[in-house]
Amino acid sequence: MLNVSQKEKKCVRYLANEMSIAERSVFEIELSLDDDLLAVFENFQTIWMNYPNSEVPIRTISFEEIITKYNKPEKIKSVKISIKKKAVFAMAFLMVFCLGFYFIGMTPSGYTNHKIALKGQRLTFKLPDSSTVILNSGSEVKYSSDFSTQRAIWLQGEAFFKVTKNTNSPFVVHTNGFDVKVLGTEFNVSSNAIDQTVSLAKGKVNVLLKESKDEINLLPNEELVWNSKTKLVIKRNFDVNKVAAWKDNILILDDEKFEDALPKINQFYGVNFIIKDADIANQHIKGAFKNQTIDEFITSLEFISEVSITKTIQNNIEISKYHEN
């Protein structure tokens, strides 16, 4: 067996493409910091590039052949890099390398677990760290199998989170418009409308707006509203019981116009209400509907609003003026 140093073995493995992507990246950083390793590598690289090729392609040169040629007396000039330049290069390379893996892991396609709340239903489940997630109707989340070491989750729609505290591992909720970072808290995130919101019930959260790179901290009973069209950001107080009522299967309509309430009603019940009269669109509606089926809700709506509601063949539900026969 040849007596070969660890540095020589690393050089040959690198040139023979026997290293993983991560190993190659670390080795390239070592090259920029270690003059001796760089000199050895340049010698091996010169031998590798000038090694005679046969007409038949060879997969790789054997380790013994490389070492034999390397041990022959041969003067190779090495390029000297200043310590300062090497340090800057190493830091830049390491940052790019780490950020590359971070962003690969943060895209929805990188997540292996997928939870979906069906239309008209609320879905409650626990994450591997014992945090609780309540998904609103038609919403979904994705998270990776290594959630215990990287507490990141991707949300589309609306969800309420009760996060188990872990000061060593922040909990991050990713949406298309912003990221929400917490250590342990309770909050609501809604990302399925033009006005996207983060509403904090307990603890403290940090919201990073992806486009502007602005970071905003929220305290209990504070809510951030981000308009995905105008990019306008509003920070305000809110009523926790009203915003998060849906998780307890309660639909609250707080003296709002019919046309403004329809998206909330349609999401809650997973249906498609249609207003057939302009006067009804501007009519205000107020009420709390707890644990009501769609048929029970329709009956209540007809009673308190004096409207007529009809289910159509196309699975739409039409709201029109009430006319006495």
Foldseek 3Di string as FASTA:
>chain_A
DDDDDPLLVLLQCLVLVVDDPVSNLVVVLVCLQDVVSVVSNVLLVVCQVPPDDDPDDDSGDDPVVSVVVSPPDDDDDGDDDDNVVSVVVSVVSVVVVVVVVVVVCQDQVNFDDKDFAAFQGWDWDADPVRKIKIAFHGKMKTHHPVCVQAQEMEIDAKMKIFADADPVYWHWYDYPFKIKTHRGAIWMWGDHDQWTKIAGAADKIWIQGVPVRDIDIDHHQWMWIAGNPVRDIDIDGDDPCQVPVVSQVKHWFQFAFPLVCQVVVCRNRVAAEDEPDPVSRRHTDGDMDHPDHPVRVQVVCCVVPVWDWDQDPVRYIYTGHHDDD
